[in-house]
Amino acid sequence: MAAQVLVAFATKYGATAEIAERIGQAIRDAGLTVDVIPVHRVKDPESYGAVIVGSAVYIGQWRREASGFLKSNEKVLAKIPVWLFSSGPTGQGDPVTLLQGWRFPKALQPIADRIKPKDIAVFHGELDINKPGFIEKWMVNNVRAVYGDFRDWGAITAWAADAARAIKREIRI
């Protein structure tokens, strides 16, 4: 099995890309080789020994390109170790609690069940008041989201370090 790790992500305004980069750095710090790439630019996930896929979450849904990536690569991802993460809730407290127990998009759960990810994480996100347009601001107000950067870099790095240790066991490094 290849020692190369893929961190693939979907982002709208860049906050999830920054999370993916931090995950990639933790994987590198563990001595593994990693590519951090937007999902729409991934050519061949089968060439990787492990894959981490993440997406920004909007109204309980992953970004379309991330959902498409899981759907179109399901058979490949079912054969290799996979970790999934979502970025989205803002505000103080546990992200899953803020999302009322939500951990992963319901529409994608059957695919995740077939892929059998090693873990599914939900991280706090960032919501910059200057980036969304009028309709998005209206939606944000309807779901009572809080503007600001609530990403917990310590939690993200710790999760990625745990994933790196597991990847080393899976690919016997």
N, C-alpha and C. Protein backbone atom coordinates (compact mmCIF):
# COMPACT_ATOMS: atom_id res chain seq x y z
N MET A 1 0.84 -1.19 0.00
CA MET A 1 0.00 0.00 0.00
C MET A 1 0.88 1.24 0.00
N ALA A 2 0.51 2.24 -0.75
CA ALA A 2 1.29 3.47 -0.87
C ALA A 2 1.32 4.23 0.46
N ALA A 3 2.45 4.91 0.72
CA ALA A 3 2.58 5.67 1.95
C ALA A 3 2.06 7.10 1.80
N GLN A 4 1.71 7.50 0.62
CA GLN A 4 1.22 8.85 0.35
C GLN A 4 -0.19 9.01 0.93
N VAL A 5 -0.45 10.15 1.57
CA VAL A 5 -1.76 10.44 2.14
C VAL A 5 -2.38 11.61 1.36
N LEU A 6 -3.67 11.52 1.09
CA LEU A 6 -4.41 12.59 0.44
C LEU A 6 -5.32 13.26 1.45
N VAL A 7 -5.25 14.57 1.53
CA VAL A 7 -6.23 15.36 2.26
C VAL A 7 -6.97 16.17 1.19
N ALA A 8 -8.22 15.78 0.93
CA ALA A 8 -9.03 16.43 -0.09
C ALA A 8 -10.14 17.22 0.61
N PHE A 9 -10.44 18.40 0.09
CA PHE A 9 -11.39 19.26 0.79
C PHE A 9 -12.23 20.06 -0.19
N ALA A 10 -13.37 20.53 0.32
CA ALA A 10 -14.23 21.47 -0.42
C ALA A 10 -14.50 22.65 0.51
N THR A 11 -14.32 23.84 -0.04
CA THR A 11 -14.48 25.06 0.75
C THR A 11 -15.15 26.10 -0.11
N LYS A 12 -15.78 27.06 0.53
CA LYS A 12 -16.37 28.16 -0.23
C LYS A 12 -15.55 29.43 -0.07
N TYR A 13 -15.22 29.75 1.16
CA TYR A 13 -14.50 31.00 1.43
C TYR A 13 -13.08 30.78 1.94
N GLY A 14 -12.64 29.52 2.09
CA GLY A 14 -11.26 29.25 2.45
C GLY A 14 -11.03 28.73 3.86
N ALA A 15 -12.00 28.81 4.75
CA ALA A 15 -11.78 28.35 6.13
C ALA A 15 -11.53 26.85 6.19
N THR A 16 -12.26 26.08 5.40
CA THR A 16 -12.06 24.62 5.40
C THR A 16 -10.73 24.27 4.74
N ALA A 17 -10.31 25.04 3.76
CA ALA A 17 -8.99 24.83 3.16
C ALA A 17 -7.90 25.00 4.21
N GLU A 18 -8.05 25.99 5.08
CA GLU A 18 -7.07 26.20 6.14
C GLU A 18 -7.07 25.04 7.14
N ILE A 19 -8.23 24.47 7.42
CA ILE A 19 -8.31 23.29 8.27
C ILE A 19 -7.59 22.13 7.59
N ALA A 20 -7.84 21.93 6.31
CA ALA A 20 -7.19 20.85 5.55
C ALA A 20 -5.67 21.02 5.57
N GLU A 21 -5.20 22.25 5.41
CA GLU A 21 -3.76 22.51 5.46
C GLU A 21 -3.19 22.14 6.83
N ARG A 22 -3.91 22.48 7.90
CA ARG A 22 -3.44 22.14 9.25
C ARG A 22 -3.40 20.63 9.44
N ILE A 23 -4.40 19.93 8.93
CA ILE A 23 -4.41 18.47 8.99
C ILE A 23 -3.22 17.92 8.21
N GLY A 24 -2.98 18.46 7.03
CA GLY A 24 -1.84 18.04 6.22
C GLY A 24 -0.52 18.24 6.95
N GLN A 25 -0.38 19.37 7.64
CA GLN A 25 0.86 19.64 8.38
C GLN A 25 1.05 18.63 9.50
N ALA A 26 -0.01 18.27 10.20
CA ALA A 26 0.10 17.27 11.26
C ALA A 26 0.49 15.91 10.70
N ILE A 27 -0.01 15.59 9.51
CA ILE A 27 0.36 14.33 8.85
C ILE A 27 1.84 14.37 8.48
N ARG A 28 2.30 15.50 7.94
CA ARG A 28 3.73 15.66 7.61
C ARG A 28 4.60 15.56 8.87
N ASP A 29 4.14 16.20 9.94
CA ASP A 29 4.89 16.17 11.20
C ASP A 29 5.05 14.75 11.73
N ALA A 30 4.14 13.87 11.34
CA ALA A 30 4.22 12.46 11.75
C ALA A 30 5.13 11.65 10.83
N GLY A 31 5.72 12.31 9.83
CA GLY A 31 6.66 11.63 8.95
C GLY A 31 6.06 11.03 7.70
N LEU A 32 4.83 11.39 7.40
CA LEU A 32 4.17 10.86 6.20
C LEU A 32 4.19 11.91 5.09
N THR A 33 4.09 11.44 3.87
CA THR A 33 4.01 12.33 2.71
C THR A 33 2.53 12.60 2.45
N VAL A 34 2.19 13.86 2.20
CA VAL A 34 0.79 14.22 2.05
C VAL A 34 0.59 15.22 0.94
N ASP A 35 -0.52 15.08 0.22
CA ASP A 35 -0.99 16.08 -0.74
C ASP A 35 -2.28 16.66 -0.18
N VAL A 36 -2.37 17.97 -0.13
CA VAL A 36 -3.59 18.67 0.30
C VAL A 36 -4.15 19.35 -0.95
N ILE A 37 -5.31 18.86 -1.42
CA ILE A 37 -5.83 19.25 -2.72
C ILE A 37 -7.34 19.45 -2.64
N PRO A 38 -7.88 20.48 -3.30
CA PRO A 38 -9.34 20.59 -3.40
C PRO A 38 -9.91 19.34 -4.09
N VAL A 39 -11.06 18.87 -3.64
CA VAL A 39 -11.61 17.62 -4.18
C VAL A 39 -11.78 17.66 -5.69
N HIS A 40 -12.11 18.82 -6.24
CA HIS A 40 -12.36 18.89 -7.68
C HIS A 40 -11.06 18.75 -8.50
N ARG A 41 -9.90 18.79 -7.84
CA ARG A 41 -8.64 18.64 -8.55
C ARG A 41 -7.97 17.29 -8.33
N VAL A 42 -8.58 16.42 -7.55
CA VAL A 42 -8.00 15.10 -7.28
C VAL A 42 -8.17 14.23 -8.53
N LYS A 43 -7.05 13.69 -9.00
CA LYS A 43 -7.07 12.87 -10.22
C LYS A 43 -7.31 11.38 -9.92
N ASP A 44 -6.55 10.83 -8.97
CA ASP A 44 -6.57 9.38 -8.75
C ASP A 44 -6.44 9.05 -7.27
N PRO A 45 -7.55 9.00 -6.52
CA PRO A 45 -7.44 8.69 -5.10
C PRO A 45 -6.91 7.28 -4.83
N GLU A 46 -6.99 6.42 -5.83
CA GLU A 46 -6.51 5.04 -5.66
C GLU A 46 -4.99 4.97 -5.47
N SER A 47 -4.28 6.02 -5.88
CA SER A 47 -2.82 6.01 -5.76
C SER A 47 -2.34 6.36 -4.34
N TYR A 48 -3.28 6.62 -3.43
CA TYR A 48 -2.93 6.99 -2.06
C TYR A 48 -3.13 5.83 -1.11
N GLY A 49 -2.33 5.81 -0.07
CA GLY A 49 -2.45 4.77 0.96
C GLY A 49 -3.55 5.07 1.95
N ALA A 50 -3.93 6.33 2.10
CA ALA A 50 -5.01 6.74 2.99
C ALA A 50 -5.56 8.07 2.48
N VAL A 51 -6.82 8.33 2.78
CA VAL A 51 -7.48 9.54 2.31
C VAL A 51 -8.27 10.17 3.45
N ILE A 52 -8.13 11.48 3.57
CA ILE A 52 -8.93 12.28 4.49
C ILE A 52 -9.73 13.24 3.63
N VAL A 53 -11.06 13.25 3.80
CA VAL A 53 -11.92 14.10 3.00
C VAL A 53 -12.73 15.00 3.93
N GLY A 54 -12.76 16.28 3.60
CA GLY A 54 -13.53 17.21 4.42
C GLY A 54 -14.26 18.23 3.59
N SER A 55 -15.30 18.78 4.21
CA SER A 55 -16.10 19.79 3.51
C SER A 55 -16.64 20.80 4.50
N ALA A 56 -16.81 22.01 3.99
CA ALA A 56 -17.59 23.00 4.71
C ALA A 56 -19.04 22.52 4.70
N VAL A 57 -19.77 22.88 5.73
CA VAL A 57 -21.17 22.48 5.85
C VAL A 57 -22.05 23.72 5.80
N TYR A 58 -23.07 23.63 4.96
CA TYR A 58 -24.06 24.69 4.85
C TYR A 58 -25.43 24.07 4.98
N ILE A 59 -26.15 24.48 6.00
CA ILE A 59 -27.50 23.99 6.27
C ILE A 59 -27.52 22.45 6.26
N GLY A 60 -26.58 21.86 6.95
CA GLY A 60 -26.54 20.41 7.11
C GLY A 60 -26.05 19.63 5.91
N GLN A 61 -25.52 20.30 4.91
CA GLN A 61 -25.07 19.62 3.69
C GLN A 61 -23.60 19.90 3.41
N TRP A 62 -22.93 18.90 2.88
CA TRP A 62 -21.57 19.11 2.38
C TRP A 62 -21.67 19.88 1.07
N ARG A 63 -20.59 20.52 0.70
CA ARG A 63 -20.52 21.21 -0.58
C ARG A 63 -20.69 20.17 -1.70
N ARG A 64 -21.30 20.59 -2.78
CA ARG A 64 -21.63 19.69 -3.88
C ARG A 64 -20.41 18.93 -4.41
N GLU A 65 -19.27 19.61 -4.54
CA GLU A 65 -18.09 18.93 -5.08
C GLU A 65 -17.57 17.85 -4.14
N ALA A 66 -17.71 18.04 -2.82
CA ALA A 66 -17.29 17.01 -1.87
C ALA A 66 -18.23 15.81 -1.92
N SER A 67 -19.53 16.08 -1.98
CA SER A 67 -20.51 14.99 -2.11
C SER A 67 -20.25 14.20 -3.39
N GLY A 68 -19.99 14.91 -4.47
CA GLY A 68 -19.70 14.27 -5.75
C GLY A 68 -18.45 13.42 -5.69
N PHE A 69 -17.43 13.92 -4.98
CA PHE A 69 -16.19 13.17 -4.83
C PHE A 69 -16.45 11.84 -4.12
N LEU A 70 -17.21 11.89 -3.02
CA LEU A 70 -17.52 10.64 -2.30
C LEU A 70 -18.29 9.68 -3.19
N LYS A 71 -19.29 10.20 -3.89
CA LYS A 71 -20.12 9.35 -4.75
C LYS A 71 -19.31 8.73 -5.89
N SER A 72 -18.50 9.53 -6.56
CA SER A 72 -17.79 9.01 -7.73
C SER A 72 -16.59 8.14 -7.36
N ASN A 73 -16.11 8.24 -6.14
CA ASN A 73 -14.94 7.46 -5.72
C ASN A 73 -15.26 6.44 -4.63
N GLU A 74 -16.53 6.17 -4.43
CA GLU A 74 -16.95 5.28 -3.35
C GLU A 74 -16.24 3.93 -3.37
N LYS A 75 -16.17 3.29 -4.52
CA LYS A 75 -15.56 1.96 -4.59
C LYS A 75 -14.08 1.98 -4.25
N VAL A 76 -13.38 3.00 -4.70
CA VAL A 76 -11.95 3.17 -4.38
C VAL A 76 -11.78 3.44 -2.89
N LEU A 77 -12.59 4.35 -2.35
CA LEU A 77 -12.45 4.73 -0.95
C LEU A 77 -12.80 3.59 -0.01
N ALA A 78 -13.65 2.67 -0.44
CA ALA A 78 -14.01 1.52 0.39
C ALA A 78 -12.84 0.55 0.57
N LYS A 79 -11.80 0.68 -0.27
CA LYS A 79 -10.66 -0.24 -0.23
C LYS A 79 -9.48 0.29 0.58
N ILE A 80 -9.52 1.56 0.97
CA ILE A 80 -8.39 2.16 1.67
C ILE A 80 -8.87 2.86 2.94
N PRO A 81 -7.96 3.10 3.88
CA PRO A 81 -8.36 3.81 5.10
C PRO A 81 -8.79 5.25 4.78
N VAL A 82 -9.96 5.63 5.31
CA VAL A 82 -10.55 6.94 5.05
C VAL A 82 -10.98 7.58 6.37
N TRP A 83 -10.76 8.87 6.46
CA TRP A 83 -11.26 9.71 7.55
C TRP A 83 -12.07 10.82 6.92
N LEU A 84 -13.14 11.24 7.60
CA LEU A 84 -13.99 12.31 7.09
C LEU A 84 -14.10 13.42 8.13
N PHE A 85 -14.17 14.66 7.66
CA PHE A 85 -14.41 15.76 8.59
C PHE A 85 -15.31 16.81 7.96
N SER A 86 -16.04 17.47 8.82
CA SER A 86 -16.91 18.58 8.42
C SER A 86 -16.50 19.81 9.20
N SER A 87 -16.65 20.96 8.59
CA SER A 87 -16.36 22.22 9.25
C SER A 87 -17.58 23.11 9.09
N GLY A 88 -18.02 23.67 10.19
CA GLY A 88 -19.20 24.50 10.00
C GLY A 88 -19.74 25.24 11.19
N PRO A 89 -20.03 24.55 12.29
CA PRO A 89 -20.74 25.28 13.33
C PRO A 89 -19.87 26.39 13.92
N THR A 90 -20.53 27.49 14.23
CA THR A 90 -19.85 28.59 14.89
C THR A 90 -20.49 28.78 16.25
N GLY A 91 -19.77 29.43 17.13
CA GLY A 91 -20.26 29.64 18.49
C GLY A 91 -19.44 28.83 19.47
N GLN A 92 -19.73 29.01 20.73
CA GLN A 92 -19.00 28.33 21.80
C GLN A 92 -19.65 26.98 22.10
N GLY A 93 -18.83 26.02 22.51
CA GLY A 93 -19.33 24.71 22.92
C GLY A 93 -18.96 23.62 21.94
N ASP A 94 -19.36 22.42 22.28
CA ASP A 94 -19.07 21.25 21.45
C ASP A 94 -19.77 21.39 20.10
N PRO A 95 -19.03 21.21 18.99
CA PRO A 95 -19.66 21.40 17.68
C PRO A 95 -20.83 20.46 17.41
N VAL A 96 -20.74 19.20 17.85
CA VAL A 96 -21.83 18.26 17.61
C VAL A 96 -23.06 18.67 18.42
N THR A 97 -22.84 19.15 19.63
CA THR A 97 -23.96 19.63 20.44
C THR A 97 -24.60 20.84 19.78
N LEU A 98 -23.78 21.76 19.27
CA LEU A 98 -24.33 22.93 18.57
C LEU A 98 -25.17 22.53 17.37
N LEU A 99 -24.81 21.41 16.76
CA LEU A 99 -25.55 20.92 15.59
C LEU A 99 -26.64 19.92 15.98
N GLN A 100 -26.98 19.88 17.25
CA GLN A 100 -28.04 19.02 17.77
C GLN A 100 -27.83 17.56 17.41
N GLY A 101 -26.59 17.10 17.54
CA GLY A 101 -26.26 15.71 17.30
C GLY A 101 -25.84 15.38 15.87
N TRP A 102 -25.96 16.34 14.96
CA TRP A 102 -25.58 16.11 13.56
C TRP A 102 -24.09 15.82 13.48
N ARG A 103 -23.73 14.76 12.74
CA ARG A 103 -22.32 14.42 12.56
C ARG A 103 -21.91 14.35 11.09
N PHE A 104 -22.91 14.09 10.23
CA PHE A 104 -22.60 13.86 8.82
C PHE A 104 -23.90 14.01 8.04
N PRO A 105 -23.84 14.48 6.79
CA PRO A 105 -25.08 14.66 6.01
C PRO A 105 -25.84 13.34 5.84
N LYS A 106 -27.11 13.37 6.17
CA LYS A 106 -27.96 12.18 6.09
C LYS A 106 -27.96 11.58 4.69
N ALA A 107 -27.97 12.43 3.67
CA ALA A 107 -28.01 11.94 2.28
C ALA A 107 -26.75 11.16 1.91
N LEU A 108 -25.63 11.48 2.57
CA LEU A 108 -24.36 10.80 2.28
C LEU A 108 -24.08 9.62 3.21
N GLN A 109 -24.90 9.45 4.24
CA GLN A 109 -24.63 8.40 5.22
C GLN A 109 -24.55 7.00 4.60
N PRO A 110 -25.42 6.63 3.65
CA PRO A 110 -25.27 5.29 3.04
C PRO A 110 -23.91 5.10 2.37
N ILE A 111 -23.38 6.15 1.76
CA ILE A 111 -22.06 6.06 1.13
C ILE A 111 -21.00 5.89 2.22
N ALA A 112 -21.10 6.68 3.27
CA ALA A 112 -20.14 6.56 4.37
C ALA A 112 -20.21 5.16 4.98
N ASP A 113 -21.41 4.61 5.10
CA ASP A 113 -21.54 3.26 5.65
C ASP A 113 -20.81 2.23 4.79
N ARG A 114 -20.82 2.43 3.48
CA ARG A 114 -20.12 1.50 2.59
C ARG A 114 -18.61 1.75 2.58
N ILE A 115 -18.20 2.99 2.72
CA ILE A 115 -16.77 3.33 2.77
C ILE A 115 -16.17 2.87 4.09
N LYS A 116 -16.95 2.95 5.16
CA LYS A 116 -16.51 2.59 6.51
C LYS A 116 -15.32 3.44 6.98
N PRO A 117 -15.53 4.75 7.11
CA PRO A 117 -14.42 5.60 7.55
C PRO A 117 -13.95 5.22 8.94
N LYS A 118 -12.68 5.45 9.18
CA LYS A 118 -12.08 5.18 10.49
C LYS A 118 -12.62 6.14 11.54
N ASP A 119 -12.95 7.36 11.11
CA ASP A 119 -13.52 8.35 12.01
C ASP A 119 -14.22 9.43 11.19
N ILE A 120 -15.21 10.05 11.82
CA ILE A 120 -15.90 11.20 11.24
C ILE A 120 -15.86 12.30 12.30
N ALA A 121 -15.25 13.42 11.96
CA ALA A 121 -15.11 14.53 12.91
C ALA A 121 -15.91 15.73 12.44
N VAL A 122 -16.34 16.53 13.42
CA VAL A 122 -16.98 17.80 13.14
C VAL A 122 -16.17 18.87 13.87
N PHE A 123 -15.68 19.84 13.11
CA PHE A 123 -14.89 20.93 13.68
C PHE A 123 -15.67 22.24 13.60
N HIS A 124 -15.40 23.10 14.57
CA HIS A 124 -15.93 24.46 14.49
C HIS A 124 -15.42 25.12 13.21
N GLY A 125 -16.18 26.04 12.69
CA GLY A 125 -15.80 26.74 11.48
C GLY A 125 -15.62 28.22 11.71
N GLU A 126 -15.54 28.92 10.60
CA GLU A 126 -15.41 30.37 10.62
C GLU A 126 -16.52 30.95 9.74
N LEU A 127 -17.11 32.04 10.20
CA LEU A 127 -18.13 32.72 9.43
C LEU A 127 -17.79 34.21 9.46
N ASP A 128 -17.27 34.68 8.35
CA ASP A 128 -16.84 36.08 8.22
C ASP A 128 -18.02 36.91 7.72
N ILE A 129 -18.43 37.89 8.48
CA ILE A 129 -19.59 38.71 8.15
C ILE A 129 -19.42 39.43 6.81
N ASN A 130 -18.19 39.62 6.36
CA ASN A 130 -17.93 40.36 5.12
C ASN A 130 -17.99 39.49 3.87
N LYS A 131 -18.05 38.18 4.00
CA LYS A 131 -17.98 37.31 2.83
C LYS A 131 -19.33 36.89 2.26
N PRO A 132 -20.30 36.50 3.06
CA PRO A 132 -21.56 36.04 2.46
C PRO A 132 -22.33 37.17 1.77
N GLY A 133 -23.08 36.78 0.75
CA GLY A 133 -23.96 37.73 0.08
C GLY A 133 -25.27 37.87 0.84
N PHE A 134 -26.19 38.62 0.28
CA PHE A 134 -27.46 38.91 0.94
C PHE A 134 -28.24 37.64 1.30
N ILE A 135 -28.38 36.72 0.34
CA ILE A 135 -29.17 35.50 0.59
C ILE A 135 -28.50 34.65 1.65
N GLU A 136 -27.17 34.52 1.58
CA GLU A 136 -26.47 33.73 2.60
C GLU A 136 -26.62 34.36 3.98
N LYS A 137 -26.53 35.68 4.06
CA LYS A 137 -26.72 36.35 5.36
C LYS A 137 -28.12 36.09 5.89
N TRP A 138 -29.10 36.09 5.01
CA TRP A 138 -30.47 35.78 5.43
C TRP A 138 -30.55 34.37 6.00
N MET A 139 -29.91 33.40 5.30
CA MET A 139 -29.91 32.01 5.78
C MET A 139 -29.18 31.90 7.12
N VAL A 140 -28.05 32.57 7.25
CA VAL A 140 -27.27 32.56 8.49
C VAL A 140 -28.13 33.08 9.64
N ASN A 141 -28.85 34.15 9.41
CA ASN A 141 -29.71 34.70 10.45
C ASN A 141 -30.85 33.74 10.81
N ASN A 142 -31.38 33.03 9.81
CA ASN A 142 -32.47 32.08 10.08
C ASN A 142 -32.02 30.90 10.93
N VAL A 143 -30.77 30.47 10.78
CA VAL A 143 -30.28 29.35 11.60
C VAL A 143 -29.55 29.84 12.85
N ARG A 144 -29.55 31.16 13.04
CA ARG A 144 -28.96 31.79 14.22
C ARG A 144 -27.48 31.45 14.39
N ALA A 145 -26.77 31.39 13.29
CA ALA A 145 -25.31 31.16 13.35
C ALA A 145 -24.64 32.42 13.88
N VAL A 146 -23.46 32.23 14.44
CA VAL A 146 -22.71 33.33 15.03
C VAL A 146 -21.51 33.63 14.14
N TYR A 147 -21.31 34.91 13.84
CA TYR A 147 -20.16 35.30 13.04
C TYR A 147 -18.89 35.26 13.88
N GLY A 148 -17.78 34.88 13.24
CA GLY A 148 -16.49 34.85 13.89
C GLY A 148 -15.72 33.59 13.52
N ASP A 149 -14.49 33.50 14.00
CA ASP A 149 -13.64 32.33 13.75
C ASP A 149 -13.61 31.50 15.02
N PHE A 150 -14.24 30.34 14.98
CA PHE A 150 -14.35 29.47 16.14
C PHE A 150 -13.54 28.18 15.97
N ARG A 151 -12.70 28.14 14.94
CA ARG A 151 -11.92 26.92 14.70
C ARG A 151 -11.00 26.65 15.89
N ASP A 152 -10.99 25.41 16.33
CA ASP A 152 -10.17 24.98 17.47
C ASP A 152 -8.96 24.25 16.90
N TRP A 153 -7.87 25.01 16.70
CA TRP A 153 -6.68 24.45 16.05
C TRP A 153 -6.07 23.31 16.85
N GLY A 154 -6.17 23.36 18.16
CA GLY A 154 -5.66 22.27 18.99
C GLY A 154 -6.43 20.98 18.75
N ALA A 155 -7.75 21.07 18.69
CA ALA A 155 -8.57 19.88 18.44
C ALA A 155 -8.32 19.34 17.04
N ILE A 156 -8.19 20.22 16.07
CA ILE A 156 -7.93 19.79 14.69
C ILE A 156 -6.59 19.08 14.60
N THR A 157 -5.56 19.68 15.19
CA THR A 157 -4.22 19.08 15.14
C THR A 157 -4.19 17.75 15.88
N ALA A 158 -4.85 17.65 17.02
CA ALA A 158 -4.88 16.39 17.79
C ALA A 158 -5.58 15.30 16.99
N TRP A 159 -6.70 15.64 16.35
CA TRP A 159 -7.42 14.66 15.54
C TRP A 159 -6.54 14.17 14.39
N ALA A 160 -5.86 15.10 13.73
CA ALA A 160 -4.99 14.75 12.60
C ALA A 160 -3.82 13.89 13.07
N ALA A 161 -3.27 14.20 14.23
CA ALA A 161 -2.15 13.40 14.76
C ALA A 161 -2.62 11.98 15.07
N ASP A 162 -3.83 11.84 15.63
CA ASP A 162 -4.39 10.50 15.86
C ASP A 162 -4.58 9.76 14.54
N ALA A 163 -5.08 10.47 13.53
CA ALA A 163 -5.25 9.86 12.21
C ALA A 163 -3.90 9.42 11.65
N ALA A 164 -2.87 10.25 11.81
CA ALA A 164 -1.53 9.91 11.30
C ALA A 164 -1.01 8.64 11.97
N ARG A 165 -1.19 8.53 13.28
CA ARG A 165 -0.74 7.30 13.98
C ARG A 165 -1.48 6.08 13.44
N ALA A 166 -2.78 6.22 13.23
CA ALA A 166 -3.57 5.11 12.70
C ALA A 166 -3.14 4.77 11.27
N ILE A 167 -2.87 5.79 10.48
CA ILE A 167 -2.42 5.55 9.10
C ILE A 167 -1.11 4.77 9.11
N LYS A 168 -0.19 5.14 9.98
CA LYS A 168 1.09 4.42 10.06
C LYS A 168 0.85 2.95 10.42
N ARG A 169 -0.10 2.67 11.30
CA ARG A 169 -0.41 1.28 11.63
C ARG A 169 -1.04 0.57 10.45
N GLU A 170 -1.96 1.25 9.76
CA GLU A 170 -2.66 0.65 8.61
C GLU A 170 -1.71 0.30 7.47
N ILE A 171 -0.75 1.19 7.20
CA ILE A 171 0.15 0.94 6.07
C ILE A 171 1.51 0.43 6.53
N ARG A 172 1.58 0.10 7.82
CA ARG A 172 2.75 -0.56 8.44
C ARG A 172 4.05 0.18 8.23
N ILE A 173 4.03 1.45 8.63
CA ILE A 173 5.27 2.26 8.57
C ILE A 173 5.88 2.28 9.95
